[in-house]
Amino acid sequence: MAYIVTESCINCKHQDCVEVCPVDCFYEGENFLAINPNECIDCGICETECPVDAICHHEKCDRKWVSINVAASKVWPNIKTKGEVPTDAKKWANVADKFDLLSRKGAKRVPAE
């Protein structure tokens, strides 16, 4: 196992972590990112890049987030580059208790023209 995305990412989705991941193990939901822990190589680079401290090592975070990341990474699209950051991400950065806002839908990126 390795690193996991947690509640702080909900509605923030800055994606700085995606840009530095050497193995492209991030998956994108409508308002959340997930890491496939079976693909993560445990390097920790993503943890330091996250501006809202939404990434933690699986041994240090709530087990429900491990399960959420595993399930989401099975159905959401894999991403290798940073997409658009939500326009209201700063508003959500310090909001606690966002679990009920987690969308289970995968993201749909608009192809570049």
C-alpha atoms as a PDB file:
ATOM      1  CA  MET A   1       0.000   0.000   0.000  1.00  0.00           C
ATOM      2  CA  ALA A   2       0.990   3.604  -0.108  1.00  0.00           C
ATOM      3  CA  TYR A   3      -0.506   7.072  -0.127  1.00  0.00           C
ATOM      4  CA  ILE A   4      -4.215   7.867  -0.021  1.00  0.00           C
ATOM      5  CA  VAL A   5      -6.340  10.938  -0.816  1.00  0.00           C
ATOM      6  CA  THR A   6      -8.583  12.046   2.047  1.00  0.00           C
ATOM      7  CA  GLU A   7     -11.516  14.328   2.817  1.00  0.00           C
ATOM      8  CA  SER A   8      -9.640  17.619   2.407  1.00  0.00           C
ATOM      9  CA  CYS A   9      -9.558  17.053  -1.362  1.00  0.00           C
ATOM     10  CA  ILE A  10     -13.350  17.142  -1.695  1.00  0.00           C
ATOM     11  CA  ASN A  11     -14.314  20.189  -3.782  1.00  0.00           C
ATOM     12  CA  CYS A  12     -10.669  21.373  -3.892  1.00  0.00           C
ATOM     13  CA  LYS A  13      -9.028  19.024  -6.390  1.00  0.00           C
ATOM     14  CA  HIS A  14      -5.907  21.157  -6.959  1.00  0.00           C
ATOM     15  CA  GLN A  15      -4.131  18.314  -8.804  1.00  0.00           C
ATOM     16  CA  ASP A  16      -0.580  19.487  -8.082  1.00  0.00           C
ATOM     17  CA  CYS A  17      -0.064  15.903  -6.902  1.00  0.00           C
ATOM     18  CA  VAL A  18      -0.920  14.548 -10.346  1.00  0.00           C
ATOM     19  CA  GLU A  19       1.825  16.587 -11.981  1.00  0.00           C
ATOM     20  CA  VAL A  20       4.571  15.058  -9.822  1.00  0.00           C
ATOM     21  CA  CYS A  21       3.424  11.427  -9.680  1.00  0.00           C
ATOM     22  CA  PRO A  22       6.058   9.244 -11.393  1.00  0.00           C
ATOM     23  CA  VAL A  23       3.649   6.315 -11.924  1.00  0.00           C
ATOM     24  CA  ASP A  24       0.379   8.056 -12.884  1.00  0.00           C
ATOM     25  CA  CYS A  25      -1.685   6.429 -10.130  1.00  0.00           C
ATOM     26  CA  PHE A  26      -4.285   9.201  -9.781  1.00  0.00           C
ATOM     27  CA  TYR A  27      -7.919   8.861 -10.766  1.00  0.00           C
ATOM     28  CA  GLU A  28     -10.363  11.721 -11.098  1.00  0.00           C
ATOM     29  CA  GLY A  29     -13.849  11.990  -9.734  1.00  0.00           C
ATOM     30  CA  GLU A  30     -16.332  14.787 -10.130  1.00  0.00           C
ATOM     31  CA  ASN A  31     -15.111  16.593  -6.982  1.00  0.00           C
ATOM     32  CA  PHE A  32     -12.320  14.388  -5.609  1.00  0.00           C
ATOM     33  CA  LEU A  33      -9.135  12.605  -6.658  1.00  0.00           C
ATOM     34  CA  ALA A  34      -8.177   9.062  -5.709  1.00  0.00           C
ATOM     35  CA  ILE A  35      -4.928   7.126  -5.677  1.00  0.00           C
ATOM     36  CA  ASN A  36      -4.814   3.503  -6.691  1.00  0.00           C
ATOM     37  CA  PRO A  37      -2.775   2.125  -3.777  1.00  0.00           C
ATOM     38  CA  ASN A  38      -1.760  -0.925  -5.804  1.00  0.00           C
ATOM     39  CA  GLU A  39      -0.083   1.329  -8.371  1.00  0.00           C
ATOM     40  CA  CYS A  40       1.452   3.821  -5.928  1.00  0.00           C
ATOM     41  CA  ILE A  41       5.159   3.224  -5.297  1.00  0.00           C
ATOM     42  CA  ASP A  42       5.146   4.903  -1.868  1.00  0.00           C
ATOM     43  CA  CYS A  43       7.504   7.721  -2.890  1.00  0.00           C
ATOM     44  CA  GLY A  44       5.569  10.428  -1.001  1.00  0.00           C
ATOM     45  CA  ILE A  45       6.156  13.182  -3.529  1.00  0.00           C
ATOM     46  CA  CYS A  46       2.420  13.816  -3.897  1.00  0.00           C
ATOM     47  CA  GLU A  47       1.957  14.360  -0.163  1.00  0.00           C
ATOM     48  CA  THR A  48       4.323  17.326  -0.109  1.00  0.00           C
ATOM     49  CA  GLU A  49       2.760  18.880  -3.217  1.00  0.00           C
ATOM     50  CA  CYS A  50      -0.827  18.936  -1.953  1.00  0.00           C
ATOM     51  CA  PRO A  51      -1.714  22.505  -0.893  1.00  0.00           C
ATOM     52  CA  VAL A  52      -4.568  21.329   1.378  1.00  0.00           C
ATOM     53  CA  ASP A  53      -2.802  18.375   3.064  1.00  0.00           C
ATOM     54  CA  ALA A  54      -5.306  15.915   1.608  1.00  0.00           C
ATOM     55  CA  ILE A  55      -2.809  13.083   1.087  1.00  0.00           C
ATOM     56  CA  CYS A  56      -1.522  10.802   3.811  1.00  0.00           C
ATOM     57  CA  HIS A  57       0.210   7.470   4.110  1.00  0.00           C
ATOM     58  CA  HIS A  58      -2.306   4.645   4.397  1.00  0.00           C
ATOM     59  CA  GLU A  59      -0.987   3.707   7.854  1.00  0.00           C
ATOM     60  CA  LYS A  60      -1.750   7.191   9.192  1.00  0.00           C
ATOM     61  CA  CYS A  61      -5.233   7.813   7.810  1.00  0.00           C
ATOM     62  CA  ASP A  62      -8.720   6.531   8.474  1.00  0.00           C
ATOM     63  CA  ARG A  63      -9.263   3.120   6.823  1.00  0.00           C
ATOM     64  CA  LYS A  64     -12.475   4.337   5.156  1.00  0.00           C
ATOM     65  CA  TRP A  65     -10.334   6.537   2.887  1.00  0.00           C
ATOM     66  CA  VAL A  66      -8.271   3.545   1.830  1.00  0.00           C
ATOM     67  CA  SER A  67     -11.485   1.779   0.798  1.00  0.00           C
ATOM     68  CA  ILE A  68     -12.779   4.867  -0.998  1.00  0.00           C
ATOM     69  CA  ASN A  69      -9.527   5.264  -2.955  1.00  0.00           C
ATOM     70  CA  VAL A  70      -9.478   1.587  -3.934  1.00  0.00           C
ATOM     71  CA  ALA A  71     -13.101   1.613  -5.095  1.00  0.00           C
ATOM     72  CA  ALA A  72     -12.866   4.933  -6.940  1.00  0.00           C
ATOM     73  CA  SER A  73      -9.656   4.023  -8.765  1.00  0.00           C
ATOM     74  CA  LYS A  74     -11.406   0.973 -10.210  1.00  0.00           C
ATOM     75  CA  VAL A  75     -14.101   3.024 -11.962  1.00  0.00           C
ATOM     76  CA  TRP A  76     -12.850   6.599 -12.395  1.00  0.00           C
ATOM     77  CA  PRO A  77     -10.639   7.695 -15.292  1.00  0.00           C
ATOM     78  CA  ASN A  78      -6.893   7.688 -14.794  1.00  0.00           C
ATOM     79  CA  ILE A  79      -5.291  11.116 -15.174  1.00  0.00           C
ATOM     80  CA  LYS A  80      -1.716  11.978 -15.990  1.00  0.00           C
ATOM     81  CA  THR A  81      -1.888  15.762 -16.217  1.00  0.00           C
ATOM     82  CA  LYS A  82      -3.382  18.558 -14.181  1.00  0.00           C
ATOM     83  CA  GLY A  83      -6.831  19.601 -15.308  1.00  0.00           C
ATOM     84  CA  GLU A  84      -8.894  22.606 -14.366  1.00  0.00           C
ATOM     85  CA  VAL A  85      -8.991  23.400 -10.671  1.00  0.00           C
ATOM     86  CA  PRO A  86     -12.494  24.194  -9.413  1.00  0.00           C
ATOM     87  CA  THR A  87     -13.041  27.945  -9.359  1.00  0.00           C
ATOM     88  CA  ASP A  88     -14.174  27.805  -5.729  1.00  0.00           C
ATOM     89  CA  ALA A  89     -11.357  25.533  -4.498  1.00  0.00           C
ATOM     90  CA  LYS A  90      -9.986  28.184  -2.119  1.00  0.00           C
ATOM     91  CA  LYS A  91     -13.402  28.477  -0.487  1.00  0.00           C
ATOM     92  CA  TRP A  92     -13.383  24.746   0.302  1.00  0.00           C
ATOM     93  CA  ALA A  93      -9.731  24.454   1.348  1.00  0.00           C
ATOM     94  CA  ASN A  94     -10.310  24.853   5.090  1.00  0.00           C
ATOM     95  CA  VAL A  95     -13.814  23.422   5.342  1.00  0.00           C
ATOM     96  CA  ALA A  96     -14.064  20.396   7.618  1.00  0.00           C
ATOM     97  CA  ASP A  97     -16.576  17.560   7.552  1.00  0.00           C
ATOM     98  CA  LYS A  98     -17.042  17.402   3.766  1.00  0.00           C
ATOM     99  CA  PHE A  99     -17.597  13.645   3.546  1.00  0.00           C
ATOM    100  CA  ASP A 100     -21.302  13.996   2.709  1.00  0.00           C
ATOM    101  CA  LEU A 101     -20.332  16.114  -0.320  1.00  0.00           C
ATOM    102  CA  LEU A 102     -18.200  13.378  -1.900  1.00  0.00           C
ATOM    103  CA  SER A 103     -19.504  12.577  -5.365  1.00  0.00           C
ATOM    104  CA  ARG A 104     -19.145   8.963  -6.492  1.00  0.00           C
ATOM    105  CA  LYS A 105     -19.228  10.021 -10.165  1.00  0.00           C
ATOM    106  CA  GLY A 106     -16.123   9.987 -12.313  1.00  0.00           C
ATOM    107  CA  ALA A 107     -14.921  13.198 -13.941  1.00  0.00           C
ATOM    108  CA  LYS A 108     -15.391  13.943 -17.612  1.00  0.00           C
ATOM    109  CA  ARG A 109     -12.646  16.071 -19.052  1.00  0.00           C
ATOM    110  CA  VAL A 110     -13.270  18.232 -22.062  1.00  0.00           C
ATOM    111  CA  PRO A 111     -10.654  17.408 -24.726  1.00  0.00           C
ATOM    112  CA  ALA A 112      -8.283  20.226 -25.622  1.00  0.00           C
ATOM    113  CA  GLU A 113      -8.989  21.910 -28.926  1.00  0.00           C
END
